[in-house]
Every structure is written in structure tokens, then in C-alpha cells.
Amino acid sequence: MFLFLALLLILVLLIAFILITISVFGAGFIVVFGDVIVCIAIIVFLIKKIFFKKKKNKNK
């Protein structure tokens, strides 16, 4: 029983450590590459705006 509780405690601590590590590195990734992500979004928006214009209906 003691061994089971010790292993369970190690598992819980390991999961907490992994979650904190992933969240810290994820936030760091967003901070470092945030401007690149925004730049790509702006380029995609401009390409859609330029090449996929709606055709005006002249029959109205």
C-alpha cells in the first residue's frame, strides 16, 4: 500500500511538472514567434482580399 501511494504521488508530481513545463514553453513560443504568426495572418488576409474578390452583379 505504501509503495502504491509513493508511485501515485510521483505520478501526480510528474504530471504537474510536465503541464507547467509545456505551458511555460508554449507561452515562450508565442512571445518569440508572435510577430511571425501575425505577419503570416496579414499576408493571407491580403492575398484573399486581392485574388478572391466578389464579382459585382451588373444585372441589378
C-alpha atoms as a PDB file:
ATOM      1  CA  MET A   1       0.000   0.000   0.000  1.00  0.00           C
ATOM      2  CA  PHE A   2       2.835   2.367   0.849  1.00  0.00           C
ATOM      3  CA  LEU A   3       4.558   1.636  -2.469  1.00  0.00           C
ATOM      4  CA  PHE A   4       1.328   2.298  -4.366  1.00  0.00           C
ATOM      5  CA  LEU A   5       0.882   5.666  -2.645  1.00  0.00           C
ATOM      6  CA  ALA A   6       4.509   6.597  -3.318  1.00  0.00           C
ATOM      7  CA  LEU A   7       4.175   5.731  -7.008  1.00  0.00           C
ATOM      8  CA  LEU A   8       0.871   7.621  -7.215  1.00  0.00           C
ATOM      9  CA  LEU A   9       2.464  10.690  -5.609  1.00  0.00           C
ATOM     10  CA  ILE A  10       5.381  10.518  -8.063  1.00  0.00           C
ATOM     11  CA  LEU A  11       2.922  10.237 -10.956  1.00  0.00           C
ATOM     12  CA  VAL A  12       0.926  13.264  -9.808  1.00  0.00           C
ATOM     13  CA  LEU A  13       4.079  15.358  -9.326  1.00  0.00           C
ATOM     14  CA  LEU A  14       5.409  14.295 -12.735  1.00  0.00           C
ATOM     15  CA  ILE A  15       2.135  15.230 -14.460  1.00  0.00           C
ATOM     16  CA  ALA A  16       2.108  18.627 -12.721  1.00  0.00           C
ATOM     17  CA  PHE A  17       5.734  19.250 -13.727  1.00  0.00           C
ATOM     18  CA  ILE A  18       5.025  18.300 -17.350  1.00  0.00           C
ATOM     19  CA  LEU A  19       1.969  20.576 -17.534  1.00  0.00           C
ATOM     20  CA  ILE A  20       3.884  23.539 -16.089  1.00  0.00           C
ATOM     21  CA  THR A  21       6.811  22.934 -18.456  1.00  0.00           C
ATOM     22  CA  ILE A  22       4.560  22.711 -21.519  1.00  0.00           C
ATOM     23  CA  SER A  23       2.679  25.885 -20.564  1.00  0.00           C
ATOM     24  CA  VAL A  24       5.895  27.854 -19.979  1.00  0.00           C
ATOM     25  CA  PHE A  25       7.473  26.777 -23.265  1.00  0.00           C
ATOM     26  CA  GLY A  26       4.179  27.318 -25.108  1.00  0.00           C
ATOM     27  CA  ALA A  27       3.967  30.873 -23.798  1.00  0.00           C
ATOM     28  CA  GLY A  28       7.612  31.416 -24.713  1.00  0.00           C
ATOM     29  CA  PHE A  29       6.937  30.162 -28.238  1.00  0.00           C
ATOM     30  CA  ILE A  30       4.048  32.609 -28.635  1.00  0.00           C
ATOM     31  CA  VAL A  31       6.157  35.508 -27.329  1.00  0.00           C
ATOM     32  CA  VAL A  32       9.107  34.708 -29.610  1.00  0.00           C
ATOM     33  CA  PHE A  33       7.163  33.861 -32.774  1.00  0.00           C
ATOM     34  CA  GLY A  34       4.069  36.035 -32.225  1.00  0.00           C
ATOM     35  CA  ASP A  35       5.134  38.632 -34.772  1.00  0.00           C
ATOM     36  CA  VAL A  36       5.725  35.921 -37.379  1.00  0.00           C
ATOM     37  CA  ILE A  37       2.260  34.477 -36.754  1.00  0.00           C
ATOM     38  CA  VAL A  38       0.642  37.922 -37.110  1.00  0.00           C
ATOM     39  CA  CYS A  39       2.653  38.649 -40.274  1.00  0.00           C
ATOM     40  CA  ILE A  40       1.525  35.377 -41.867  1.00  0.00           C
ATOM     41  CA  ALA A  41      -2.089  36.161 -40.944  1.00  0.00           C
ATOM     42  CA  ILE A  42      -1.844  39.617 -42.548  1.00  0.00           C
ATOM     43  CA  ILE A  43      -0.279  38.183 -45.724  1.00  0.00           C
ATOM     44  CA  VAL A  44      -3.011  35.542 -46.005  1.00  0.00           C
ATOM     45  CA  PHE A  45      -5.688  38.214 -45.465  1.00  0.00           C
ATOM     46  CA  LEU A  46      -4.200  40.419 -48.194  1.00  0.00           C
ATOM     47  CA  ILE A  47      -3.917  37.532 -50.651  1.00  0.00           C
ATOM     48  CA  LYS A  48      -7.559  36.609 -50.051  1.00  0.00           C
ATOM     49  CA  LYS A  49      -8.587  40.252 -50.450  1.00  0.00           C
ATOM     50  CA  ILE A  50      -6.684  40.684 -53.722  1.00  0.00           C
ATOM     51  CA  PHE A  51      -7.315  37.380 -55.510  1.00  0.00           C
ATOM     52  CA  PHE A  52     -10.749  36.370 -54.238  1.00  0.00           C
ATOM     53  CA  LYS A  53     -12.799  39.497 -54.825  1.00  0.00           C
ATOM     54  CA  LYS A  54     -16.550  39.062 -55.186  1.00  0.00           C
ATOM     55  CA  LYS A  55     -17.836  39.634 -58.677  1.00  0.00           C
ATOM     56  CA  LYS A  56     -20.198  42.587 -58.902  1.00  0.00           C
ATOM     57  CA  ASN A  57     -23.580  41.743 -60.352  1.00  0.00           C
ATOM     58  CA  LYS A  58     -24.360  44.217 -63.173  1.00  0.00           C
ATOM     59  CA  ASN A  59     -27.918  42.936 -63.721  1.00  0.00           C
ATOM     60  CA  LYS A  60     -29.378  44.722 -60.702  1.00  0.00           C
END
